[in-house]
Amino acid sequence: MSETKDRPYHHGDLRRALIDTALAMLALDQNWAFTLREVARRTGVSHAAPYKHFRDKGVLLRELARIGFVQLGDAMTAALSSDISSMRGKFVAAALACIDFALHNPGLYHLMFSSDADKTADRQLHDAAMNTFGILLRFLEEAQRSGSFRSVPVSAQAAACWAQVHGLAMLALNRQLLEEKVGNEPVQAALDVLLDGLCRGEWDRTRV
């Protein structure tokens, strides 16, 4: 495991300090192979200190994943709140924000969708994940009401959108979007194909 600069803990919110240390380790190493003992050492506290807030490593990992979903939701909300006029353009902005989040937080993004982030074992994590998914659902409902998107079951549209965007994020993370396979602008091209199925009528892509 790569070394990080130790950040001794002196006073204040121990739980927050442990989380910040774990997030920094996750960002540096892009995996969660660390132990609670190592998190404690780098935070500058005793080996027993983390257990005051996290009964085991799994609880800490689920909290990191919860934070990830909150941050992802914030990125999506910011993109959808932009001054882009078309619903198609807003969707592209939100999709790109999701992919950008994954690329800038690869370890955290992988954790969020891993078996170690078991959403059935943590209600707060489950709620955070569903709240983030709810941003997509509400956008699709609004797009349908405005007449921009086809009037079909929102759940089906949401599944298609989630699969497409999450799949693109994972392919990008794994450096599998090779030009010889998928062209020089694979993300935009894939989103255009998806949106051609979502949108009603003819759309001028120059407006995106």
Protein backbone atom coordinates (compact mmCIF):
# COMPACT_ATOMS: atom_id res chain seq x y z
CA MET A 1 0.00 0.00 0.00
CA SER A 2 1.26 3.46 -0.83
CA GLU A 3 2.26 5.65 2.07
CA THR A 4 0.24 8.72 2.92
CA LYS A 5 1.28 11.56 5.14
CA ASP A 6 0.17 10.86 8.70
CA ARG A 7 -2.34 13.40 9.97
CA PRO A 8 -2.20 13.31 13.78
CA TYR A 9 -5.52 13.83 15.47
CA HIS A 10 -5.50 16.33 18.31
CA HIS A 11 -9.06 17.24 19.24
CA GLY A 12 -12.53 17.72 17.87
CA ASP A 13 -14.63 15.26 15.89
CA LEU A 14 -12.84 11.90 16.00
CA ARG A 15 -15.41 10.22 13.79
CA ARG A 16 -14.96 12.86 11.08
CA ALA A 17 -11.19 12.63 11.37
CA LEU A 18 -11.28 8.86 10.86
CA ILE A 19 -13.56 9.22 7.85
CA ASP A 20 -11.37 11.91 6.30
CA THR A 21 -8.30 9.73 6.75
CA ALA A 22 -10.03 6.71 5.21
CA LEU A 23 -11.25 8.80 2.26
CA ALA A 24 -7.71 10.07 1.68
CA MET A 25 -6.35 6.52 1.77
CA LEU A 26 -9.07 5.36 -0.61
CA ALA A 27 -8.27 8.20 -3.02
CA LEU A 28 -4.55 7.50 -2.95
CA ASP A 29 -4.57 3.73 -3.26
CA GLN A 30 -7.87 3.42 -5.20
CA ASN A 31 -8.83 0.39 -3.13
CA TRP A 32 -10.01 -0.36 0.38
CA ALA A 33 -7.46 -2.98 1.41
CA PHE A 34 -6.54 -0.91 4.45
CA THR A 35 -7.35 -1.98 8.01
CA LEU A 36 -8.96 -0.02 10.84
CA ARG A 37 -5.62 -0.26 12.60
CA GLU A 38 -3.96 1.55 9.69
CA VAL A 39 -6.69 4.20 9.61
CA ALA A 40 -6.13 4.76 13.33
CA ARG A 41 -2.37 5.05 12.93
CA ARG A 42 -2.62 7.58 10.13
CA THR A 43 -5.19 9.57 12.09
CA GLY A 44 -2.85 9.63 15.04
CA VAL A 45 -5.05 7.81 17.53
CA SER A 46 -4.88 4.49 19.37
CA HIS A 47 -5.70 1.25 17.58
CA ALA A 48 -8.85 0.94 19.67
CA ALA A 49 -10.15 4.44 18.95
CA PRO A 50 -12.00 3.66 15.67
CA TYR A 51 -14.17 1.08 17.43
CA LYS A 52 -15.83 3.86 19.40
CA HIS A 53 -17.56 4.86 16.16
CA PHE A 54 -17.24 1.88 13.79
CA ARG A 55 -17.71 -1.62 15.18
CA ASP A 56 -15.83 -3.06 12.22
CA LYS A 57 -14.31 -2.08 8.89
CA GLY A 58 -17.53 -2.87 7.03
CA VAL A 59 -19.38 -0.12 8.87
CA LEU A 60 -16.68 2.38 7.92
CA LEU A 61 -16.74 1.31 4.27
CA ARG A 62 -20.50 1.69 4.10
CA GLU A 63 -20.19 5.19 5.53
CA LEU A 64 -17.61 6.07 2.88
CA ALA A 65 -19.98 4.74 0.20
CA ARG A 66 -22.84 6.78 1.67
CA ILE A 67 -20.71 9.92 1.43
CA GLY A 68 -19.92 9.00 -2.17
CA PHE A 69 -23.59 8.81 -3.11
CA VAL A 70 -24.25 12.17 -1.47
CA GLN A 71 -21.38 13.72 -3.42
CA LEU A 72 -22.55 12.11 -6.66
CA GLY A 73 -26.04 13.43 -6.05
CA ASP A 74 -24.67 16.92 -5.47
CA ALA A 75 -22.77 16.72 -8.77
CA MET A 76 -25.90 15.62 -10.63
CA THR A 77 -28.01 18.33 -9.02
CA ALA A 78 -25.48 21.02 -9.92
CA ALA A 79 -25.43 19.85 -13.53
CA LEU A 80 -29.22 19.78 -13.79
CA SER A 81 -29.42 23.26 -12.24
CA SER A 82 -27.34 24.77 -15.02
CA ASP A 83 -28.80 27.32 -17.43
CA ILE A 84 -28.94 24.80 -20.32
CA SER A 85 -32.35 25.25 -21.88
CA SER A 86 -33.14 21.82 -23.36
CA MET A 87 -33.93 18.71 -21.38
CA ARG A 88 -31.65 16.79 -23.68
CA GLY A 89 -28.80 19.14 -22.87
CA LYS A 90 -29.47 18.90 -19.14
CA PHE A 91 -29.38 15.12 -19.32
CA VAL A 92 -26.03 15.17 -21.11
CA ALA A 93 -24.64 17.57 -18.50
CA ALA A 94 -25.79 15.31 -15.65
CA ALA A 95 -24.46 12.18 -17.35
CA LEU A 96 -21.08 13.80 -17.93
CA ALA A 97 -21.04 14.94 -14.30
CA CYS A 98 -21.56 11.33 -13.18
CA ILE A 99 -18.76 10.05 -15.40
CA ASP A 100 -16.48 12.88 -14.32
CA PHE A 101 -17.19 12.04 -10.66
CA ALA A 102 -16.19 8.43 -11.30
CA LEU A 103 -12.98 9.42 -13.08
CA HIS A 104 -11.95 11.80 -10.29
CA ASN A 105 -12.90 9.35 -7.51
CA PRO A 106 -12.14 5.89 -8.91
CA GLY A 107 -11.61 4.13 -5.59
CA LEU A 108 -14.71 5.63 -4.04
CA TYR A 109 -16.84 4.96 -7.12
CA HIS A 110 -15.79 1.30 -7.22
CA LEU A 111 -16.55 0.98 -3.51
CA MET A 112 -20.01 2.52 -3.92
CA PHE A 113 -21.05 -0.28 -6.27
CA SER A 114 -19.15 -3.11 -4.63
CA SER A 115 -20.42 -5.93 -2.43
CA ASP A 116 -18.62 -4.26 0.48
CA ALA A 117 -21.15 -1.43 0.24
CA ASP A 118 -24.09 -3.68 1.06
CA LYS A 119 -27.10 -1.40 0.98
CA THR A 120 -29.29 -3.98 2.71
CA ALA A 121 -27.03 -3.80 5.76
CA ASP A 122 -27.15 -0.04 6.24
CA ARG A 123 -30.32 2.03 6.05
CA GLN A 124 -28.50 5.34 5.68
CA LEU A 125 -26.46 4.01 2.77
CA HIS A 126 -29.60 2.61 1.15
CA ASP A 127 -31.38 5.95 1.55
CA ALA A 128 -28.42 7.89 0.12
CA ALA A 129 -28.26 5.62 -2.92
CA MET A 130 -32.01 5.86 -3.49
CA ASN A 131 -31.96 9.65 -3.05
CA THR A 132 -29.33 9.88 -5.77
CA PHE A 133 -31.36 7.62 -8.04
CA GLY A 134 -34.39 9.76 -7.23
CA ILE A 135 -32.68 12.74 -8.86
CA LEU A 136 -32.74 10.83 -12.15
CA LEU A 137 -36.36 9.75 -11.65
CA ARG A 138 -37.56 13.29 -10.95
CA PHE A 139 -35.71 14.61 -13.99
CA LEU A 140 -37.27 11.99 -16.26
CA GLU A 141 -40.73 12.77 -14.87
CA GLU A 142 -40.17 16.46 -15.54
CA ALA A 143 -38.90 15.74 -19.04
CA GLN A 144 -42.00 13.69 -19.78
CA ARG A 145 -44.34 16.36 -18.40
CA SER A 146 -42.69 18.98 -20.57
CA GLY A 147 -43.20 16.79 -23.63
CA SER A 148 -39.47 16.54 -24.25
CA PHE A 149 -39.16 12.82 -23.50
CA ARG A 150 -41.40 10.00 -24.61
CA SER A 151 -44.26 9.07 -22.30
CA VAL A 152 -43.29 5.54 -21.28
CA PRO A 153 -42.80 3.98 -17.84
CA VAL A 154 -40.27 6.12 -16.01
CA SER A 155 -38.78 3.04 -14.38
CA ALA A 156 -37.86 1.66 -17.80
CA GLN A 157 -36.28 4.94 -18.88
CA ALA A 158 -34.40 5.16 -15.58
CA ALA A 159 -33.04 1.63 -15.99
CA ALA A 160 -31.83 2.41 -19.51
CA CYS A 161 -30.22 5.69 -18.43
CA TRP A 162 -28.58 4.22 -15.36
CA ALA A 163 -27.23 1.23 -17.26
CA GLN A 164 -25.83 3.45 -20.01
CA VAL A 165 -24.20 6.09 -17.83
CA HIS A 166 -22.88 3.69 -15.20
CA GLY A 167 -21.60 1.39 -17.92
CA LEU A 168 -19.78 4.26 -19.63
CA ALA A 169 -18.28 5.32 -16.30
CA MET A 170 -16.97 1.83 -15.62
CA LEU A 171 -15.59 1.44 -19.13
CA ALA A 172 -13.88 4.82 -18.83
CA LEU A 173 -12.42 3.89 -15.45
CA ASN A 174 -11.05 0.65 -16.86
CA ARG A 175 -9.69 2.48 -19.93
CA GLN A 176 -11.72 0.31 -22.27
CA LEU A 177 -13.23 3.06 -24.43
CA LEU A 178 -10.62 2.54 -27.12
CA GLU A 179 -10.88 4.67 -30.24
CA GLU A 180 -10.36 1.71 -32.56
CA LYS A 181 -13.42 0.07 -30.99
CA VAL A 182 -15.83 2.92 -30.30
CA GLY A 183 -14.58 6.01 -32.13
CA ASN A 184 -12.98 9.19 -30.84
CA GLU A 185 -16.01 10.53 -28.93
CA PRO A 186 -17.63 7.37 -27.54
CA VAL A 187 -19.35 8.94 -24.54
CA GLN A 188 -21.17 11.64 -26.50
CA ALA A 189 -22.00 9.20 -29.29
CA ALA A 190 -23.47 6.68 -26.85
CA LEU A 191 -25.49 9.37 -25.07
CA ASP A 192 -26.83 10.60 -28.42
CA VAL A 193 -28.05 7.10 -29.26
CA LEU A 194 -29.70 6.80 -25.85
CA LEU A 195 -31.35 10.21 -26.14
CA ASP A 196 -32.62 9.49 -29.64
CA GLY A 197 -34.71 6.79 -27.97
CA LEU A 198 -35.77 8.95 -25.04
CA CYS A 199 -36.72 12.14 -26.83
CA ARG A 200 -39.88 12.89 -28.75
CA GLY A 201 -39.70 14.23 -32.27
CA GLU A 202 -36.64 15.48 -34.11
CA TRP A 203 -33.86 17.12 -32.13
CA ASP A 204 -31.09 19.35 -33.28
CA ARG A 205 -28.02 18.05 -31.49
CA THR A 206 -26.28 21.37 -31.92
CA ARG A 207 -28.58 22.66 -29.18
CA VAL A 208 -27.11 20.27 -26.59
